[in-house]
């Protein structure tokens, strides 16, 4: 089961896996959250940041990219449009990564 092991102040998210996972030869193919297998495109990764209740959800717009992968870790770079608003209130905003089997 994957879990978030670390989120840095500069937007690097480290996701750890309890078992070895398939290493994608070119991690940039995951950047839109899909992977192509036998000419079929499958959604495999969805990344979301949800307001903790106070921050306007529109202020949490972002893009993301996979920057590195190992057998037990996946590293994402988040690029927020307005980073000053991320978790700026006592109620922290929530990061969510959803993995799907292709």
C-alpha atoms as a PDB file:
ATOM      1  CA  UNK A   1       0.000   0.000   0.000  1.00  0.00           C
ATOM      2  CA  UNK A   2       1.459   3.405  -0.951  1.00  0.00           C
ATOM      3  CA  UNK A   3       1.832   6.174   1.596  1.00  0.00           C
ATOM      4  CA  UNK A   4       3.141   9.731   1.566  1.00  0.00           C
ATOM      5  CA  UNK A   5       6.483   9.688   3.351  1.00  0.00           C
ATOM      6  CA  UNK A   6       7.498  13.300   2.880  1.00  0.00           C
ATOM      7  CA  UNK A   7       6.399  16.633   1.384  1.00  0.00           C
ATOM      8  CA  UNK A   8       9.100  19.281   1.132  1.00  0.00           C
ATOM      9  CA  UNK A   9       8.627  23.044   1.290  1.00  0.00           C
ATOM     10  CA  UNK A  10       9.607  23.288  -2.379  1.00  0.00           C
ATOM     11  CA  UNK A  11       6.803  20.931  -3.476  1.00  0.00           C
ATOM     12  CA  UNK A  12       8.554  17.561  -3.792  1.00  0.00           C
ATOM     13  CA  UNK A  13       6.259  14.735  -2.679  1.00  0.00           C
ATOM     14  CA  UNK A  14       7.818  11.393  -1.808  1.00  0.00           C
ATOM     15  CA  UNK A  15       5.433   8.438  -2.038  1.00  0.00           C
ATOM     16  CA  UNK A  16       6.666   5.134  -0.642  1.00  0.00           C
ATOM     17  CA  UNK A  17       5.509   1.624  -1.470  1.00  0.00           C
ATOM     18  CA  UNK A  18       5.658  -1.353   0.886  1.00  0.00           C
ATOM     19  CA  UNK A  19       6.583  -3.686  -1.994  1.00  0.00           C
ATOM     20  CA  UNK A  20       8.595  -3.269  -5.178  1.00  0.00           C
ATOM     21  CA  UNK A  21       6.564  -1.771  -8.023  1.00  0.00           C
ATOM     22  CA  UNK A  22       7.069  -1.776 -11.774  1.00  0.00           C
ATOM     23  CA  UNK A  23       9.600   0.851 -12.789  1.00  0.00           C
ATOM     24  CA  UNK A  24       8.327   2.837 -15.751  1.00  0.00           C
ATOM     25  CA  UNK A  25      11.180   3.213 -18.294  1.00  0.00           C
ATOM     26  CA  UNK A  26      10.385   6.896 -18.895  1.00  0.00           C
ATOM     27  CA  UNK A  27       8.642   8.564 -15.926  1.00  0.00           C
ATOM     28  CA  UNK A  28       7.456  11.497 -18.029  1.00  0.00           C
ATOM     29  CA  UNK A  29       4.756   9.244 -19.529  1.00  0.00           C
ATOM     30  CA  UNK A  30       3.038   9.346 -16.127  1.00  0.00           C
ATOM     31  CA  UNK A  31       2.814  13.143 -16.076  1.00  0.00           C
ATOM     32  CA  UNK A  32      -0.769  13.246 -17.268  1.00  0.00           C
ATOM     33  CA  UNK A  33      -1.744  10.403 -14.911  1.00  0.00           C
ATOM     34  CA  UNK A  34      -2.149   7.835 -17.662  1.00  0.00           C
ATOM     35  CA  UNK A  35      -0.110   5.032 -19.184  1.00  0.00           C
ATOM     36  CA  UNK A  36      -0.386   3.412 -22.603  1.00  0.00           C
ATOM     37  CA  UNK A  37      -0.429  -0.382 -22.846  1.00  0.00           C
ATOM     38  CA  UNK A  38      -0.942  -2.086 -26.224  1.00  0.00           C
ATOM     39  CA  UNK A  39      -2.221   1.176 -27.746  1.00  0.00           C
ATOM     40  CA  UNK A  40      -4.836   1.593 -24.982  1.00  0.00           C
ATOM     41  CA  UNK A  41      -4.602   4.537 -22.564  1.00  0.00           C
ATOM     42  CA  UNK A  42      -5.380   3.816 -18.912  1.00  0.00           C
ATOM     43  CA  UNK A  43      -5.710   6.242 -15.989  1.00  0.00           C
ATOM     44  CA  UNK A  44      -3.257   5.110 -13.289  1.00  0.00           C
ATOM     45  CA  UNK A  45      -2.544   8.123 -11.093  1.00  0.00           C
ATOM     46  CA  UNK A  46      -4.727  10.975  -9.896  1.00  0.00           C
ATOM     47  CA  UNK A  47      -3.242  13.811  -7.836  1.00  0.00           C
ATOM     48  CA  UNK A  48      -5.442  16.212  -5.859  1.00  0.00           C
ATOM     49  CA  UNK A  49      -5.028  18.917  -3.251  1.00  0.00           C
ATOM     50  CA  UNK A  50      -8.182  19.644  -1.272  1.00  0.00           C
ATOM     51  CA  UNK A  51      -8.863  22.635   0.916  1.00  0.00           C
ATOM     52  CA  UNK A  52      -8.736  21.923   4.630  1.00  0.00           C
ATOM     53  CA  UNK A  53     -11.849  24.074   4.947  1.00  0.00           C
ATOM     54  CA  UNK A  54     -10.659  27.669   4.971  1.00  0.00           C
ATOM     55  CA  UNK A  55      -8.606  28.121   1.782  1.00  0.00           C
ATOM     56  CA  UNK A  56     -10.625  28.797  -1.369  1.00  0.00           C
ATOM     57  CA  UNK A  57     -10.193  25.698  -3.569  1.00  0.00           C
ATOM     58  CA  UNK A  58      -9.469  27.944  -6.580  1.00  0.00           C
ATOM     59  CA  UNK A  59      -6.318  29.174  -4.812  1.00  0.00           C
ATOM     60  CA  UNK A  60      -4.979  25.593  -4.763  1.00  0.00           C
ATOM     61  CA  UNK A  61      -4.658  25.190  -8.542  1.00  0.00           C
ATOM     62  CA  UNK A  62      -1.508  23.315  -9.466  1.00  0.00           C
ATOM     63  CA  UNK A  63       0.234  21.126 -12.009  1.00  0.00           C
ATOM     64  CA  UNK A  64       2.463  18.179 -11.243  1.00  0.00           C
ATOM     65  CA  UNK A  65       5.116  16.013 -12.801  1.00  0.00           C
ATOM     66  CA  UNK A  66       6.897  12.796 -11.924  1.00  0.00           C
ATOM     67  CA  UNK A  67      10.578  13.575 -11.390  1.00  0.00           C
ATOM     68  CA  UNK A  68      11.954  10.207 -10.278  1.00  0.00           C
ATOM     69  CA  UNK A  69      10.956   6.632  -9.567  1.00  0.00           C
ATOM     70  CA  UNK A  70      12.619   3.701  -7.837  1.00  0.00           C
ATOM     71  CA  UNK A  71      11.234   0.254  -7.014  1.00  0.00           C
ATOM     72  CA  UNK A  72       9.871   1.565  -3.697  1.00  0.00           C
ATOM     73  CA  UNK A  73       9.495   5.329  -4.167  1.00  0.00           C
ATOM     74  CA  UNK A  74       7.841   7.813  -6.505  1.00  0.00           C
ATOM     75  CA  UNK A  75       8.792  11.504  -6.442  1.00  0.00           C
ATOM     76  CA  UNK A  76       6.413  14.182  -7.694  1.00  0.00           C
ATOM     77  CA  UNK A  77       7.027  17.904  -8.150  1.00  0.00           C
ATOM     78  CA  UNK A  78       3.979  20.066  -7.451  1.00  0.00           C
ATOM     79  CA  UNK A  79       3.793  23.521  -9.064  1.00  0.00           C
ATOM     80  CA  UNK A  80       1.172  25.694  -7.350  1.00  0.00           C
ATOM     81  CA  UNK A  81      -0.138  28.803  -9.119  1.00  0.00           C
ATOM     82  CA  UNK A  82      -0.434  30.607  -5.756  1.00  0.00           C
ATOM     83  CA  UNK A  83       1.930  28.736  -3.388  1.00  0.00           C
ATOM     84  CA  UNK A  84       1.524  31.312  -0.608  1.00  0.00           C
ATOM     85  CA  UNK A  85      -2.038  30.050  -0.005  1.00  0.00           C
ATOM     86  CA  UNK A  86      -1.159  26.362   0.432  1.00  0.00           C
ATOM     87  CA  UNK A  87      -1.800  25.335   4.051  1.00  0.00           C
ATOM     88  CA  UNK A  88      -1.653  28.997   5.052  1.00  0.00           C
ATOM     89  CA  UNK A  89      -4.396  28.519   7.640  1.00  0.00           C
ATOM     90  CA  UNK A  90      -4.594  26.470  10.853  1.00  0.00           C
ATOM     91  CA  UNK A  91      -6.590  23.813   8.990  1.00  0.00           C
ATOM     92  CA  UNK A  92      -4.033  22.233   6.659  1.00  0.00           C
ATOM     93  CA  UNK A  93      -4.885  21.448   3.053  1.00  0.00           C
ATOM     94  CA  UNK A  94      -4.942  17.788   2.056  1.00  0.00           C
ATOM     95  CA  UNK A  95      -2.779  16.044  -0.557  1.00  0.00           C
ATOM     96  CA  UNK A  96      -4.311  12.975  -2.165  1.00  0.00           C
ATOM     97  CA  UNK A  97      -2.696  10.484  -4.563  1.00  0.00           C
ATOM     98  CA  UNK A  98      -4.934   7.771  -6.002  1.00  0.00           C
ATOM     99  CA  UNK A  99      -3.354   4.826  -7.817  1.00  0.00           C
ATOM    100  CA  UNK A 100      -5.374   2.633 -10.161  1.00  0.00           C
ATOM    101  CA  UNK A 101      -4.538  -0.731 -11.672  1.00  0.00           C
ATOM    102  CA  UNK A 102      -4.450  -0.431 -15.489  1.00  0.00           C
END
